[in-house]
């Protein structure tokens, strides 16, 4: 069953931009392999997906990689298309998006706002979706048309025109012009939901009032032309297309997207750039393990006892049968006078943090001074 992928995006107010480039805020997977709709997945500097085997973790990561892959990452219909919709998507891949990701534009917000001619606050977030035909759909979630302001400006222009007409009673166009402005004020002022088309009709009515060869001495003609221009500007503001639909904006957003790397083993990072990236990942992993080991050593006991086995030359002597048990050698037996012929070497340290940390490391042969005990 097809799942709707035109998701509503809630408004948000990101913090002040401090980083260059885009930062992933959240993403959503739909109609990809076994995933019908994942819902929004919030992302942070470190995000972990935890689940049992075959629970779908990979199917949530692969679409993010294929949104803008650093290398490879081509869509494979036989493996990426959901089986239930395979034929449908194959016939119309441009109608199905498999991932929608939302980014904080950071310092790029100012440049995007200038290109799109929108307030910078409305360019702080950008939503990028990729479709199965490989194309991208760009959207500014915070962008809103200021329709109320456009309508208020148009009505104000009509009222001012009606006031100015009061001093032009001698003009031949006075009566029809007053009737036209009154009708427009009554119609637009009482309309429940004005649209750009309503302002378009009002502009056309004003334009029709202006004769092709107007009298040079008429005072109403300049007033009507100014009113026509104002109504046209506010109409354009109300029906303006989404700025993200422009090709230059789309290319600018795609150029700022971070490149994603997915690897299930180290062999996937074979290019020079990916190898450098892996070296960084490996270094960070070693640092994390080192910090973890240091914390474990600090929490360890300060008492360490290192025991060694008997000397090889004594352990392999021919009289092995005469070697007694541990309890006999330590004197915990019913025959306290029994003495073992086996030589045991052991060491007891005073509580020392350094020795405690060594006890958590690999079990190497002890190198400390030993004391000899034959009992």
Protein backbone atom coordinates (compact mmCIF):
# COMPACT_ATOMS: atom_id res chain seq x y z
CA UNK A 1 0.00 0.00 0.00
CA UNK A 2 1.32 3.41 -0.97
CA UNK A 3 2.18 5.68 1.96
CA UNK A 4 1.80 9.43 1.76
CA UNK A 5 5.18 11.19 1.70
CA UNK A 6 4.14 14.85 1.71
CA UNK A 7 4.85 15.35 5.41
CA UNK A 8 3.86 18.50 7.32
CA UNK A 9 6.88 20.06 8.98
CA UNK A 10 6.43 21.72 12.34
CA UNK A 11 7.79 25.19 12.86
CA UNK A 12 10.95 25.54 14.91
CA UNK A 13 13.37 28.26 15.90
CA UNK A 14 16.97 27.03 15.60
CA UNK A 15 19.63 28.63 17.73
CA UNK A 16 21.99 31.28 16.40
CA UNK A 17 24.19 29.88 13.60
CA UNK A 18 27.68 29.03 14.77
CA UNK A 19 28.85 26.42 12.26
CA UNK A 20 29.69 26.54 8.57
CA UNK A 21 27.68 24.35 6.24
CA UNK A 22 24.52 22.41 6.97
CA UNK A 23 23.84 20.36 10.10
CA UNK A 24 21.42 17.44 10.06
CA UNK A 25 18.54 17.98 12.49
CA UNK A 26 16.26 15.05 11.70
CA UNK A 27 15.20 12.80 8.87
CA UNK A 28 12.38 10.51 7.82
CA UNK A 29 12.40 7.34 5.71
CA UNK A 30 9.37 6.21 3.72
CA UNK A 31 8.64 3.51 1.16
CA UNK A 32 12.17 2.11 1.33
CA UNK A 33 12.69 -1.65 1.52
CA UNK A 34 10.81 -2.82 4.62
CA UNK A 35 10.23 0.71 5.98
CA UNK A 36 6.78 2.13 5.24
CA UNK A 37 7.18 5.27 7.36
CA UNK A 38 9.81 5.65 10.07
CA UNK A 39 8.48 8.92 11.45
CA UNK A 40 10.89 11.73 12.24
CA UNK A 41 14.26 10.57 13.65
CA UNK A 42 16.10 13.30 15.54
CA UNK A 43 19.86 13.49 14.97
CA UNK A 44 22.57 14.85 17.26
CA UNK A 45 26.35 14.97 17.18
CA UNK A 46 26.29 11.26 18.05
CA UNK A 47 23.19 9.17 17.32
CA UNK A 48 22.88 5.42 17.88
CA UNK A 49 20.30 3.02 16.49
CA UNK A 50 19.97 0.03 18.81
CA UNK A 51 17.97 -3.07 18.03
CA UNK A 52 18.12 -6.81 17.55
CA UNK A 53 19.35 -8.33 14.32
CA UNK A 54 17.06 -8.00 11.30
CA UNK A 55 15.02 -5.26 13.00
CA UNK A 56 15.59 -2.71 10.21
CA UNK A 57 18.49 -0.57 11.46
CA UNK A 58 20.30 -0.79 8.14
CA UNK A 59 17.18 0.22 6.25
CA UNK A 60 17.12 3.46 8.27
CA UNK A 61 20.77 4.29 7.57
CA UNK A 62 21.09 3.46 3.88
CA UNK A 63 18.59 6.13 2.72
CA UNK A 64 20.53 8.81 4.61
CA UNK A 65 23.71 7.69 2.86
CA UNK A 66 21.97 7.72 -0.53
CA UNK A 67 20.62 11.21 0.05
CA UNK A 68 24.07 12.61 -0.83
CA UNK A 69 26.67 9.82 -0.85
CA UNK A 70 30.38 10.56 -0.65
CA UNK A 71 31.00 7.66 -3.03
CA UNK A 72 28.88 5.05 -4.78
CA UNK A 73 25.41 4.95 -3.20
CA UNK A 74 23.46 4.51 -6.42
CA UNK A 75 19.82 3.46 -6.08
CA UNK A 76 19.23 -0.22 -6.84
CA UNK A 77 15.60 -0.95 -7.79
CA UNK A 78 15.86 -4.67 -7.07
CA UNK A 79 17.09 -4.09 -3.52
CA UNK A 80 15.85 -0.60 -2.58
CA UNK A 81 12.28 -0.60 -3.85
CA UNK A 82 9.72 -2.05 -1.42
CA UNK A 83 8.44 -5.33 -2.78
CA UNK A 84 4.77 -4.32 -2.39
CA UNK A 85 5.28 -1.21 -4.55
CA UNK A 86 7.99 -2.44 -6.89
CA UNK A 87 5.94 -2.20 -10.12
CA UNK A 88 4.33 1.11 -9.13
CA UNK A 89 7.61 2.84 -8.30
CA UNK A 90 9.33 1.42 -11.37
CA UNK A 91 6.65 2.99 -13.59
CA UNK A 92 6.68 6.39 -11.83
CA UNK A 93 9.85 6.83 -9.72
CA UNK A 94 9.47 10.63 -9.81
CA UNK A 95 6.36 10.38 -7.62
CA UNK A 96 7.98 8.60 -4.67
CA UNK A 97 10.52 10.01 -2.25
CA UNK A 98 12.37 7.63 0.02
CA UNK A 99 13.94 10.12 2.44
CA UNK A 100 13.23 13.61 3.73
CA UNK A 101 15.96 15.30 5.76
CA UNK A 102 15.85 18.61 7.57
CA UNK A 103 19.00 20.71 8.03
CA UNK A 104 20.06 23.77 9.97
CA UNK A 105 21.61 26.03 7.32
CA UNK A 106 23.96 27.68 9.81
CA UNK A 107 26.07 30.46 8.33
CA UNK A 108 24.72 29.70 4.86
CA UNK A 109 21.34 31.16 5.89
CA UNK A 110 22.38 34.71 4.95
CA UNK A 111 23.47 33.71 1.44
CA UNK A 112 20.37 31.60 0.82
CA UNK A 113 18.10 34.37 2.10
CA UNK A 114 19.71 36.83 -0.32
CA UNK A 115 19.32 34.44 -3.26
CA UNK A 116 15.71 33.58 -2.41
CA UNK A 117 14.81 37.17 -1.44
CA UNK A 118 13.24 36.08 1.83
CA UNK A 119 13.97 37.08 5.45
CA UNK A 120 17.04 35.36 6.90
CA UNK A 121 14.96 33.89 9.72
CA UNK A 122 12.92 31.97 7.12
CA UNK A 123 16.09 30.53 5.56
CA UNK A 124 17.44 29.03 8.77
CA UNK A 125 15.96 25.59 8.04
CA UNK A 126 15.79 23.72 4.77
CA UNK A 127 14.09 20.43 3.98
CA UNK A 128 15.62 18.19 1.31
CA UNK A 129 13.84 15.14 -0.08
CA UNK A 130 15.21 12.72 -2.65
CA UNK A 131 13.00 10.82 -5.04
CA UNK A 132 13.56 7.44 -6.63
CA UNK A 133 14.38 9.05 -9.98
CA UNK A 134 17.39 10.74 -8.29
CA UNK A 135 15.92 14.26 -8.25
CA UNK A 136 15.69 16.51 -5.18
CA UNK A 137 12.77 18.45 -3.75
CA UNK A 138 13.78 21.54 -1.74
CA UNK A 139 11.60 23.42 0.73
CA UNK A 140 12.04 26.14 3.35
CA UNK A 141 9.78 24.99 6.22
CA UNK A 142 9.72 28.42 7.88
CA UNK A 143 8.84 30.33 4.71
CA UNK A 144 5.42 31.96 4.87
CA UNK A 145 3.72 34.35 2.46
CA UNK A 146 2.72 37.53 4.27
CA UNK A 147 -0.78 37.59 2.78
CA UNK A 148 -2.28 39.68 5.58
CA UNK A 149 0.20 42.47 4.94
CA UNK A 150 -0.49 42.42 1.19
CA UNK A 151 -4.25 42.61 1.70
CA UNK A 152 -3.92 45.43 4.24
CA UNK A 153 -1.70 47.42 1.86
CA UNK A 154 -4.19 46.97 -1.00
CA UNK A 155 -7.15 48.13 1.11
CA UNK A 156 -5.19 51.12 2.38
CA UNK A 157 -4.38 52.13 -1.19
CA UNK A 158 -8.08 51.96 -2.13
CA UNK A 159 -9.12 54.12 0.85
CA UNK A 160 -6.48 56.73 0.07
CA UNK A 161 -7.58 56.81 -3.56
CA UNK A 162 -11.20 57.36 -2.48
CA UNK A 163 -10.15 60.23 -0.25
CA UNK A 164 -8.10 61.86 -3.01
CA UNK A 165 -11.00 61.58 -5.45
CA UNK A 166 -13.04 63.92 -3.24
CA UNK A 167 -11.10 66.94 -4.54
CA UNK A 168 -11.50 66.04 -8.24
CA UNK A 169 -15.26 66.49 -8.73
CA UNK A 170 -14.78 68.51 -11.92
CA UNK A 171 -12.98 65.68 -13.73
CA UNK A 172 -15.13 63.79 -16.29
CA UNK A 173 -14.01 60.47 -14.80
CA UNK A 174 -15.00 61.47 -11.28
CA UNK A 175 -18.31 59.61 -11.00
CA UNK A 176 -17.24 56.26 -12.58
CA UNK A 177 -13.95 56.32 -10.67
CA UNK A 178 -15.70 56.88 -7.32
CA UNK A 179 -18.18 54.10 -8.05
CA UNK A 180 -15.37 51.68 -8.98
CA UNK A 181 -13.32 52.36 -5.83
CA UNK A 182 -16.42 52.08 -3.60
CA UNK A 183 -17.35 48.74 -5.14
CA UNK A 184 -13.81 47.38 -4.71
CA UNK A 185 -13.69 48.49 -1.07
CA UNK A 186 -17.04 46.88 -0.37
CA UNK A 187 -16.07 43.62 -2.10
CA UNK A 188 -12.55 43.26 -0.76
CA UNK A 189 -13.29 44.66 2.68
CA UNK A 190 -16.02 42.11 3.43
CA UNK A 191 -14.47 39.04 1.78
CA UNK A 192 -13.69 36.20 4.18
CA UNK A 193 -10.60 34.79 2.49
CA UNK A 194 -8.94 37.02 -0.08
CA UNK A 195 -6.52 35.46 -2.55
CA UNK A 196 -4.08 36.75 -5.11
CA UNK A 197 -6.67 36.22 -7.81
CA UNK A 198 -9.03 38.65 -6.04
CA UNK A 199 -6.37 41.35 -6.18
CA UNK A 200 -5.71 40.46 -9.80
CA UNK A 201 -9.38 41.11 -10.66
CA UNK A 202 -9.29 44.41 -8.76
CA UNK A 203 -6.18 45.52 -10.65
CA UNK A 204 -7.77 44.62 -13.99
CA UNK A 205 -10.91 46.64 -13.12
CA UNK A 206 -8.82 49.71 -12.38
CA UNK A 207 -6.83 49.23 -15.59
CA UNK A 208 -10.08 49.00 -17.61
CA UNK A 209 -11.16 52.39 -16.23
CA UNK A 210 -8.14 54.12 -17.82
CA UNK A 211 -8.91 55.18 -21.43
CA UNK A 212 -6.45 54.48 -24.24
CA UNK A 213 -6.10 58.18 -25.00
CA UNK A 214 -6.62 59.89 -21.62
CA UNK A 215 -6.96 63.65 -21.44
CA UNK A 216 -3.68 65.34 -20.64
CA UNK A 217 -5.32 67.57 -18.04
CA UNK A 218 -7.06 64.75 -16.12
CA UNK A 219 -6.06 64.43 -12.46
CA UNK A 220 -7.76 61.07 -11.95
CA UNK A 221 -5.70 59.18 -14.56
CA UNK A 222 -2.39 59.40 -12.56
CA UNK A 223 -4.29 58.38 -9.43
CA UNK A 224 -5.78 55.32 -11.15
CA UNK A 225 -2.41 54.31 -12.61
CA UNK A 226 -0.79 54.50 -9.16
CA UNK A 227 -3.64 52.42 -7.71
CA UNK A 228 -3.27 49.86 -10.50
CA UNK A 229 0.47 49.54 -9.78
CA UNK A 230 -0.08 49.08 -6.02
CA UNK A 231 -2.74 46.41 -6.51
CA UNK A 232 -0.48 44.58 -8.98
CA UNK A 233 2.46 44.57 -6.54
CA UNK A 234 0.37 43.14 -3.71
CA UNK A 235 -1.15 40.55 -6.04
CA UNK A 236 2.35 39.41 -7.04
CA UNK A 237 3.33 39.14 -3.37
CA UNK A 238 0.38 36.85 -2.66
CA UNK A 239 0.88 34.50 -5.60
CA UNK A 240 4.68 34.41 -5.49
CA UNK A 241 6.01 30.87 -6.05
CA UNK A 242 8.02 29.03 -3.44
CA UNK A 243 11.55 30.48 -3.67
CA UNK A 244 13.03 27.01 -3.23
CA UNK A 245 11.51 26.02 -6.60
CA UNK A 246 14.01 28.22 -8.43
CA UNK A 247 16.88 26.34 -10.01
CA UNK A 248 19.64 28.55 -8.60
CA UNK A 249 18.29 28.06 -5.08
CA UNK A 250 18.04 24.31 -5.59
CA UNK A 251 21.63 24.09 -6.79
CA UNK A 252 22.87 26.25 -3.90
CA UNK A 253 21.15 24.03 -1.33
CA UNK A 254 22.37 20.78 -2.90
CA UNK A 255 25.91 22.17 -3.02
CA UNK A 256 25.85 22.80 0.74
CA UNK A 257 24.55 19.35 1.72
CA UNK A 258 26.95 17.26 3.83
CA UNK A 259 28.22 14.11 2.14
CA UNK A 260 27.33 10.89 3.92
CA UNK A 261 29.48 7.79 4.32
CA UNK A 262 28.13 4.34 5.08
CA UNK A 263 30.37 1.37 5.76
CA UNK A 264 29.71 -2.00 7.26
CA UNK A 265 33.41 -2.92 7.21
CA UNK A 266 36.67 -1.08 6.71
CA UNK A 267 36.99 -2.30 3.13
CA UNK A 268 34.30 0.12 1.98
CA UNK A 269 36.60 3.09 2.54
CA UNK A 270 38.94 2.57 -0.39
CA UNK A 271 39.23 6.04 -1.92
CA UNK A 272 41.82 8.54 -0.78
CA UNK A 273 39.30 10.93 0.79
CA UNK A 274 37.41 8.11 2.49
CA UNK A 275 40.66 6.60 3.76
CA UNK A 276 41.55 9.90 5.41
CA UNK A 277 38.08 10.02 6.91
CA UNK A 278 38.49 6.50 8.26
CA UNK A 279 41.83 7.44 9.85
CA UNK A 280 40.03 10.21 11.72
CA UNK A 281 37.29 7.81 12.84
CA UNK A 282 39.90 5.29 13.95
CA UNK A 283 41.81 7.91 15.94
CA UNK A 284 38.63 9.10 17.68
CA UNK A 285 37.73 5.50 18.51
CA UNK A 286 41.17 4.89 20.03
CA UNK A 287 40.86 8.06 22.11
CA UNK A 288 37.48 6.95 23.42
CA UNK A 289 38.80 3.50 24.35
CA UNK A 290 41.81 5.08 26.06
CA UNK A 291 39.57 7.33 28.17
CA UNK A 292 37.43 4.36 29.11
CA UNK A 293 40.43 2.32 30.22
CA UNK A 294 41.76 5.22 32.29
CA UNK A 295 38.44 5.54 34.05
CA UNK A 296 38.40 1.83 34.80
CA UNK A 297 41.91 1.97 36.20
CA UNK A 298 41.09 4.92 38.45
CA UNK A 299 38.12 3.00 39.86
CA UNK A 300 40.18 -0.15 40.39
CA UNK A 301 41.42 -1.31 43.79
CA UNK A 302 44.84 -0.09 44.85
CA UNK A 303 45.87 -3.53 46.10
CA UNK A 304 47.52 -5.86 43.61
CA UNK A 305 49.00 -9.30 44.12
CA UNK A 306 51.01 -10.93 41.41
CA UNK A 307 51.56 -14.63 41.68
CA UNK A 308 53.95 -16.61 39.58
CA UNK A 309 54.38 -20.26 39.10
CA UNK A 310 57.35 -22.31 40.21
CA UNK A 311 60.64 -22.11 38.46
CA UNK A 312 60.68 -24.32 35.41
CA UNK A 313 63.73 -26.16 36.63
CA UNK A 314 61.92 -27.11 39.85
CA UNK A 315 58.53 -27.68 38.23
CA UNK A 316 59.94 -30.17 35.78
CA UNK A 317 62.12 -32.09 38.25
CA UNK A 318 61.86 -35.84 38.28
CA UNK A 319 60.32 -35.99 41.76
CA UNK A 320 56.98 -34.46 40.72
CA UNK A 321 55.14 -37.06 42.74
CA UNK A 322 56.60 -35.58 45.95
CA UNK A 323 55.07 -32.15 45.28
CA UNK A 324 52.30 -31.57 47.73
CA UNK A 325 49.00 -29.73 47.40
CA UNK A 326 48.51 -26.02 47.96
CA UNK A 327 47.03 -26.52 51.41
CA UNK A 328 50.05 -28.59 52.46
CA UNK A 329 52.48 -26.02 51.14
CA UNK A 330 50.75 -23.20 53.01
CA UNK A 331 50.54 -25.18 56.24
CA UNK A 332 46.72 -25.46 56.33
CA UNK A 333 46.66 -29.21 56.89
CA UNK A 334 46.35 -31.70 59.66
CA UNK A 335 50.12 -32.25 59.40
CA UNK A 336 51.55 -28.81 60.07
CA UNK A 337 55.07 -30.21 59.99
CA UNK A 338 54.65 -31.23 56.36
CA UNK A 339 56.97 -29.25 54.17
CA UNK A 340 56.65 -29.03 50.41
CA UNK A 341 59.69 -29.51 48.26
CA UNK A 342 58.12 -27.21 45.58
CA UNK A 343 59.45 -23.69 45.38
CA UNK A 344 56.74 -21.02 45.14
CA UNK A 345 57.41 -17.42 44.26
CA UNK A 346 54.87 -14.73 45.01
CA UNK A 347 54.81 -11.00 45.54
CA UNK A 348 52.74 -8.69 47.76
CA UNK A 349 52.73 -4.97 47.12
CA UNK A 350 51.60 -2.16 49.28
CA UNK A 351 48.53 -0.29 48.02
CA UNK A 352 49.76 1.68 45.02
CA UNK A 353 47.64 3.27 42.27
CA UNK A 354 50.28 2.55 39.65
CA UNK A 355 50.35 -1.12 40.51
CA UNK A 356 46.55 -1.24 40.49
CA UNK A 357 46.43 0.21 36.98
CA UNK A 358 48.99 -2.37 35.82
CA UNK A 359 46.78 -5.15 37.10
CA UNK A 360 44.12 -4.23 34.55
CA UNK A 361 46.50 -4.50 31.62
CA UNK A 362 47.64 -7.62 29.77
CA UNK A 363 48.85 -10.49 31.87
CA UNK A 364 52.61 -10.22 31.26
CA UNK A 365 55.13 -12.11 33.45
CA UNK A 366 55.83 -10.11 36.63
CA UNK A 367 59.01 -8.08 36.58
CA UNK A 368 58.98 -6.87 40.19
CA UNK A 369 61.42 -8.06 42.82
CA UNK A 370 60.26 -11.33 44.39
CA UNK A 371 60.75 -12.81 47.78
CA UNK A 372 61.52 -16.48 48.23
CA UNK A 373 59.32 -18.76 50.34
CA UNK A 374 60.00 -22.47 50.81
CA UNK A 375 57.15 -23.08 53.23
